[in-house]
Amino acid sequence: MSATLPAFVDALGQGVHAIDTGFQRERFDAAYLLVQGGRAAFIDTGTNHAVPRLLQALAALGLTPDAVDFVIPTHVHLDHAGGAGLLMQSLPAATLVVHPRGARHLIAPSALFQGATAVYGAQEMARSYGTLVPVPPERVRRSHDGMRLQLAGRSLLLVDTPGHARHHHCIWDETTRGWFTGDTFGLSYREFDGPRGAWILPTTTPVRFEPEALRESIERLLAQQPACIYLTHFGRVDDVHRLGRLLLDLLAQVVALGQRLRHAPGRHAALKAELTALYLASLAEQQCPLDASTASALLAMDIELNAQGMGIWLDRAERR
């Protein structure tokens, strides 16, 4: 079956398929399709523009739209859930399972759209996301910490994982002993893979970066001793213990530099410069094959957004 899959679908084994949504660049943003006993679930959806790819992947696996039982965004940021409403229109049997703090934003997405527009601007919203489609409330199921779903007998455990966003949960797949982590376990782009394996960094994007909660969420994921992590950005990583240590170390360094620059003049530019230096030093230590200029260019959007999110975090702390 894998030979017949579209080029943007990777069969990862045991019924797990990573779908490159095409957002921003190749192999940047993934949705996952789980297949078990002729039934299916999507974890994360990408944007509206990804929906044709998701449906094409389903068809390539010999499944019809009514075979999908669940659509499970890890959280409601638009690169993870922007296409949820449009996708649900094509899946007559599916239930949307979403964190309770995020449910209202997918049922009535106007506030979510306005908040994202404030970050990205109207032109980028139109280009990258399109118009958000609401999900009928009767098709929405709110998750809770410790919730279990059954996909044709395959057990999926949902746990609350704040820190990147308060509306974030992660999904544990008993079959592969893997977590679908959205943004909680950071970002790891395949271009940076080198002789020491993958590289990973924490994401601090707007608007609810909470470093202590994020650290606790990462440690909770690691305590399960996962065999692999399924990242939205991007794909499966297997060297989980090493990556977890690296992620927590970089998170601590990010917090320290943010506190040091809290009152710096031109703080946003200073945060971007310091984050760039931190990431490049870590990449060099990991023997990344890319030169500094190429690596910086690939990370430019993340650096901008991470600096924005850190600024919001620092300002929020000042108001307490």
Protein backbone atom coordinates (compact mmCIF):
# COMPACT_ATOMS: atom_id res chain seq x y z
CA MET A 1 0.00 0.00 0.00
CA SER A 2 2.80 2.44 0.80
CA ALA A 3 4.01 2.39 -2.82
CA THR A 4 0.67 3.86 -3.93
CA LEU A 5 0.63 6.72 -1.44
CA PRO A 6 1.04 10.31 -2.62
CA ALA A 7 4.51 11.78 -2.27
CA PHE A 8 3.34 13.99 0.60
CA VAL A 9 2.37 10.96 2.75
CA ASP A 10 4.90 8.96 4.79
CA ALA A 11 3.84 5.55 6.07
CA LEU A 12 5.47 5.29 9.49
CA GLY A 13 4.31 1.79 10.37
CA GLN A 14 1.62 0.30 12.61
CA GLY A 15 -1.11 2.32 10.92
CA VAL A 16 0.47 5.76 11.40
CA HIS A 17 0.84 8.09 8.40
CA ALA A 18 2.37 11.56 8.37
CA ILE A 19 0.82 13.93 5.85
CA ASP A 20 2.84 16.95 4.79
CA THR A 21 0.19 19.68 4.76
CA GLY A 22 2.22 21.95 2.47
CA PHE A 23 2.09 24.83 4.95
CA GLN A 24 4.99 27.32 4.55
CA ARG A 25 7.43 24.84 3.01
CA GLU A 26 7.86 21.11 2.47
CA ARG A 27 8.18 18.98 5.62
CA PHE A 28 7.33 21.85 7.94
CA ASP A 29 3.82 21.01 9.11
CA ALA A 30 2.30 17.54 9.51
CA ALA A 31 -1.13 16.08 10.10
CA TYR A 32 -1.35 12.45 11.11
CA LEU A 33 -3.73 9.77 9.89
CA LEU A 34 -4.15 6.71 12.10
CA VAL A 35 -5.75 3.63 10.59
CA GLN A 36 -6.92 0.64 12.61
CA GLY A 37 -9.28 -2.12 11.54
CA GLY A 38 -10.75 -0.11 8.69
CA ARG A 39 -11.41 2.92 10.91
CA ALA A 40 -9.40 6.13 10.96
CA ALA A 41 -8.58 9.25 12.95
CA PHE A 42 -6.83 12.48 12.03
CA ILE A 43 -4.56 14.12 14.60
CA ASP A 44 -4.04 17.78 13.65
CA THR A 45 -5.35 19.00 10.33
CA GLY A 46 -3.14 21.80 9.08
CA THR A 47 -4.95 24.73 7.46
CA ASN A 48 -7.89 24.82 5.08
CA HIS A 49 -5.42 24.42 2.22
CA ALA A 50 -4.37 21.02 3.61
CA VAL A 51 -7.83 19.45 3.50
CA PRO A 52 -7.57 18.12 -0.09
CA ARG A 53 -4.32 16.38 0.85
CA LEU A 54 -5.89 14.80 3.94
CA LEU A 55 -8.81 13.45 1.93
CA GLN A 56 -6.48 12.24 -0.82
CA ALA A 57 -4.39 10.34 1.74
CA LEU A 58 -7.53 8.72 3.11
CA ALA A 59 -8.62 7.61 -0.35
CA ALA A 60 -5.14 6.31 -1.19
CA LEU A 61 -5.40 4.02 1.82
CA GLY A 62 -8.67 2.63 0.47
CA LEU A 63 -10.85 4.38 3.03
CA THR A 64 -13.99 6.41 2.49
CA PRO A 65 -14.73 9.62 4.42
CA ASP A 66 -17.30 7.85 6.63
CA ALA A 67 -14.50 5.61 7.98
CA VAL A 68 -13.10 8.50 10.06
CA ASP A 69 -14.25 8.37 13.67
CA PHE A 70 -12.22 11.22 15.17
CA VAL A 71 -10.55 14.49 14.26
CA ILE A 72 -8.26 15.47 17.15
CA PRO A 73 -6.40 18.79 16.98
CA THR A 74 -3.68 18.94 19.61
CA HIS A 75 -4.59 22.61 20.12
CA VAL A 76 -6.39 25.29 18.17
CA HIS A 77 -3.50 27.27 16.67
CA LEU A 78 -4.27 27.52 12.98
CA ASP A 79 -1.38 25.45 11.64
CA HIS A 80 -2.80 22.59 13.72
CA ALA A 81 -6.56 23.15 13.60
CA GLY A 82 -7.28 25.81 10.98
CA GLY A 83 -8.69 23.20 8.59
CA ALA A 84 -10.74 21.32 11.19
CA GLY A 85 -14.11 22.83 10.28
CA LEU A 86 -13.66 22.39 6.54
CA LEU A 87 -12.41 18.82 7.00
CA MET A 88 -15.35 17.90 9.24
CA GLN A 89 -17.74 18.88 6.43
CA SER A 90 -16.37 15.93 4.43
CA LEU A 91 -16.38 13.39 7.29
CA PRO A 92 -20.00 12.51 8.14
CA ALA A 93 -19.21 10.06 10.97
CA ALA A 94 -16.40 11.98 12.68
CA THR A 95 -16.42 13.61 16.10
CA LEU A 96 -14.07 16.52 16.75
CA VAL A 97 -12.23 15.94 20.03
CA VAL A 98 -10.69 19.17 21.31
CA HIS A 99 -9.33 20.58 24.57
CA PRO A 100 -12.17 22.21 26.54
CA ARG A 101 -10.39 25.58 26.46
CA GLY A 102 -10.25 25.43 22.67
CA ALA A 103 -13.70 24.08 21.84
CA ARG A 104 -15.44 27.44 21.64
CA HIS A 105 -12.84 28.71 19.17
CA LEU A 106 -13.64 25.93 16.70
CA ILE A 107 -17.40 26.17 17.21
CA ALA A 108 -17.33 29.96 16.68
CA PRO A 109 -13.90 30.76 15.20
CA SER A 110 -14.22 34.54 14.76
CA ALA A 111 -12.22 35.38 17.91
CA LEU A 112 -9.53 32.85 16.96
CA PHE A 113 -9.30 34.38 13.49
CA GLN A 114 -9.07 37.91 14.88
CA GLY A 115 -6.37 36.90 17.36
CA ALA A 116 -4.31 35.25 14.65
CA THR A 117 -4.78 38.28 12.39
CA ALA A 118 -3.32 40.48 15.14
CA VAL A 119 -0.19 38.32 15.08
CA TYR A 120 0.20 37.61 11.35
CA GLY A 121 -1.67 40.42 9.59
CA ALA A 122 -4.65 40.27 7.24
CA GLN A 123 -2.64 39.58 4.07
CA GLU A 124 -0.83 36.58 5.59
CA MET A 125 -4.10 35.25 7.02
CA ALA A 126 -5.71 35.29 3.60
CA ARG A 127 -2.68 33.68 1.95
CA SER A 128 -1.94 30.96 4.48
CA TYR A 129 -5.20 30.17 6.25
CA GLY A 130 -8.28 31.27 4.36
CA THR A 131 -11.69 31.63 6.01
CA LEU A 132 -12.25 29.47 9.08
CA VAL A 133 -15.26 27.15 8.98
CA PRO A 134 -17.16 26.59 12.25
CA VAL A 135 -17.78 23.08 13.57
CA PRO A 136 -21.38 22.35 14.64
CA PRO A 137 -21.42 22.12 18.45
CA GLU A 138 -23.19 18.75 18.43
CA ARG A 139 -20.17 17.27 16.63
CA VAL A 140 -17.67 18.52 19.23
CA ARG A 141 -16.50 16.48 22.20
CA ARG A 142 -14.37 18.14 24.86
CA SER A 143 -11.39 16.19 26.13
CA HIS A 144 -10.30 15.86 29.74
CA ASP A 145 -7.04 14.82 31.35
CA GLY A 146 -6.85 11.03 31.27
CA MET A 147 -9.57 10.64 28.64
CA ARG A 148 -9.39 7.45 26.57
CA LEU A 149 -10.69 6.96 23.05
CA GLN A 150 -10.99 3.66 21.23
CA LEU A 151 -10.24 3.52 17.51
CA ALA A 152 -11.40 0.04 16.49
CA GLY A 153 -9.91 -1.25 19.74
CA ARG A 154 -6.76 0.87 19.54
CA SER A 155 -6.37 2.85 22.75
CA LEU A 156 -5.61 6.58 22.62
CA LEU A 157 -4.98 8.47 25.87
CA LEU A 158 -5.37 12.26 25.99
CA VAL A 159 -3.51 14.29 28.61
CA ASP A 160 -3.56 18.00 29.41
CA THR A 161 -0.23 19.60 28.46
CA PRO A 162 -0.19 23.38 29.01
CA GLY A 163 2.87 25.57 28.54
CA HIS A 164 2.77 26.27 24.82
CA ALA A 165 -0.97 26.96 25.01
CA ARG A 166 -3.54 26.40 27.71
CA HIS A 167 -5.77 24.65 25.17
CA HIS A 168 -3.21 21.92 24.42
CA HIS A 169 -3.50 18.19 24.93
CA CYS A 170 -1.23 15.40 23.72
CA ILE A 171 -2.29 11.96 22.53
CA TRP A 172 -0.62 8.72 23.64
CA ASP A 173 -0.86 5.80 21.22
CA GLU A 174 -0.53 2.52 23.11
CA THR A 175 0.20 0.60 19.89
CA THR A 176 3.41 2.45 19.01
CA ARG A 177 4.19 3.77 22.51
CA GLY A 178 4.36 7.19 20.93
CA TRP A 179 3.08 10.65 21.76
CA PHE A 180 1.45 13.00 19.28
CA THR A 181 2.72 16.20 20.82
CA GLY A 182 1.60 19.15 18.70
CA ASP A 183 3.97 21.89 19.88
CA THR A 184 4.52 20.73 23.48
CA PHE A 185 7.63 18.68 22.64
CA GLY A 186 9.05 21.41 20.44
CA LEU A 187 10.06 21.62 16.80
CA SER A 188 12.48 19.37 14.93
CA TYR A 189 12.95 19.99 11.22
CA ARG A 190 14.47 17.25 9.12
CA GLU A 191 16.83 19.65 7.30
CA PHE A 192 18.82 19.92 10.55
CA ASP A 193 19.38 16.18 11.03
CA GLY A 194 23.08 15.38 11.28
CA PRO A 195 25.49 12.66 12.42
CA ARG A 196 24.24 12.98 15.99
CA GLY A 197 20.64 12.64 14.86
CA ALA A 198 17.80 15.11 15.11
CA TRP A 199 17.92 18.58 16.66
CA ILE A 200 15.01 20.08 18.58
CA LEU A 201 14.03 23.46 19.99
CA PRO A 202 11.20 24.68 22.23
CA THR A 203 8.57 26.91 20.70
CA THR A 204 7.56 30.05 22.60
CA THR A 205 5.13 31.52 20.07
CA PRO A 206 2.32 33.87 21.12
CA VAL A 207 0.32 34.15 23.20
CA ARG A 208 0.51 31.79 26.18
CA PHE A 209 4.11 30.70 26.62
CA GLU A 210 4.36 29.58 30.26
CA PRO A 211 7.80 28.06 30.79
CA GLU A 212 7.24 26.30 34.09
CA ALA A 213 4.05 24.64 32.87
CA LEU A 214 5.82 23.68 29.62
CA ARG A 215 8.71 22.09 31.50
CA GLU A 216 6.28 20.06 33.60
CA SER A 217 4.37 18.96 30.49
CA ILE A 218 7.58 17.82 28.76
CA GLU A 219 8.63 15.90 31.84
CA ARG A 220 5.22 14.26 32.00
CA LEU A 221 5.56 13.07 28.42
CA LEU A 222 9.05 11.72 29.08
CA ALA A 223 7.89 9.88 32.21
CA GLN A 224 5.85 7.57 29.96
CA GLN A 225 9.17 6.39 28.44
CA PRO A 226 7.93 6.77 24.87
CA ALA A 227 9.53 4.87 22.01
CA CYS A 228 8.88 7.77 19.64
CA ILE A 229 7.38 11.23 19.35
CA TYR A 230 5.14 12.33 16.49
CA LEU A 231 5.78 16.05 15.96
CA THR A 232 3.58 18.37 13.98
CA HIS A 233 6.80 20.20 13.03
CA PHE A 234 7.95 17.69 11.71
CA GLY A 235 7.49 13.94 11.61
CA ARG A 236 8.49 11.10 13.91
CA VAL A 237 11.62 11.24 16.06
CA ASP A 238 12.91 8.21 17.91
CA ASP A 239 15.87 9.26 20.06
CA VAL A 240 13.48 10.56 22.68
CA HIS A 241 15.64 10.52 25.80
CA ARG A 242 18.44 12.56 24.21
CA LEU A 243 16.01 14.96 22.55
CA GLY A 244 14.13 15.45 25.79
CA ARG A 245 17.33 16.47 27.59
CA LEU A 246 18.24 18.83 24.77
CA LEU A 247 14.76 20.35 24.72
CA LEU A 248 14.69 20.97 28.48
CA ASP A 249 18.20 22.44 28.42
CA LEU A 250 17.32 24.86 25.61
CA LEU A 251 14.09 25.80 27.39
CA ALA A 252 16.07 26.72 30.50
CA GLN A 253 18.47 28.81 28.41
CA VAL A 254 15.57 30.56 26.66
CA VAL A 255 14.05 31.48 30.02
CA ALA A 256 17.38 32.77 31.31
CA LEU A 257 18.02 34.98 28.27
CA GLY A 258 14.48 36.32 28.42
CA GLN A 259 14.89 37.30 32.05
CA ARG A 260 18.24 38.91 31.28
CA LEU A 261 16.73 40.98 28.45
CA ARG A 262 13.49 41.83 30.23
CA HIS A 263 14.24 45.58 30.29
CA ALA A 264 16.69 45.77 27.40
CA PRO A 265 16.31 48.69 24.97
CA GLY A 266 15.05 47.43 21.64
CA ARG A 267 14.05 44.23 23.42
CA HIS A 268 12.41 42.46 20.48
CA ALA A 269 15.48 42.82 18.27
CA ALA A 270 17.69 41.76 21.18
CA LEU A 271 15.57 38.67 21.80
CA LYS A 272 15.78 37.72 18.13
CA ALA A 273 19.56 38.15 18.08
CA GLU A 274 20.06 36.16 21.27
CA LEU A 275 17.72 33.36 20.17
CA THR A 276 19.54 33.13 16.84
CA ALA A 277 22.90 32.86 18.61
CA LEU A 278 21.53 30.24 21.02
CA TYR A 279 20.07 28.10 18.25
CA LEU A 280 23.19 28.30 16.08
CA ALA A 281 25.45 27.34 18.97
CA SER A 282 23.23 24.36 19.76
CA LEU A 283 23.16 23.32 16.10
CA ALA A 284 26.95 23.50 15.91
CA GLU A 285 27.23 21.34 19.01
CA GLN A 286 24.89 18.81 17.39
CA GLN A 287 27.06 18.84 14.20
CA CYS A 288 24.23 20.13 12.03
CA PRO A 289 25.25 19.88 8.36
CA LEU A 290 23.86 23.32 7.43
CA ASP A 291 25.88 26.53 7.45
CA ALA A 292 24.81 29.32 9.80
CA SER A 293 23.25 31.42 7.04
CA THR A 294 21.06 28.58 5.76
CA ALA A 295 20.05 27.52 9.26
CA SER A 296 19.16 31.10 10.22
CA ALA A 297 17.02 31.49 7.11
CA LEU A 298 15.10 28.28 7.82
CA LEU A 299 14.52 29.37 11.42
CA ALA A 300 13.66 33.02 10.63
CA MET A 301 9.90 32.67 11.11
CA ASP A 302 10.31 30.68 14.33
CA ILE A 303 12.80 33.21 15.68
CA GLU A 304 10.40 36.08 14.99
CA LEU A 305 7.41 34.34 16.55
CA ASN A 306 9.39 32.98 19.50
CA ALA A 307 10.66 36.47 20.27
CA GLN A 308 7.10 37.81 20.08
CA GLY A 309 5.84 35.15 22.45
CA MET A 310 8.67 35.76 24.89
CA GLY A 311 7.88 39.47 24.91
CA ILE A 312 4.26 38.75 25.80
CA TRP A 313 5.39 36.37 28.56
CA LEU A 314 7.80 38.94 30.00
CA ASP A 315 5.19 41.71 29.93
CA ARG A 316 2.60 39.49 31.57
CA ALA A 317 5.04 38.71 34.40
CA GLU A 318 5.67 42.45 34.89
CA ARG A 319 1.95 43.07 35.43
CA ARG A 320 1.64 40.58 38.26
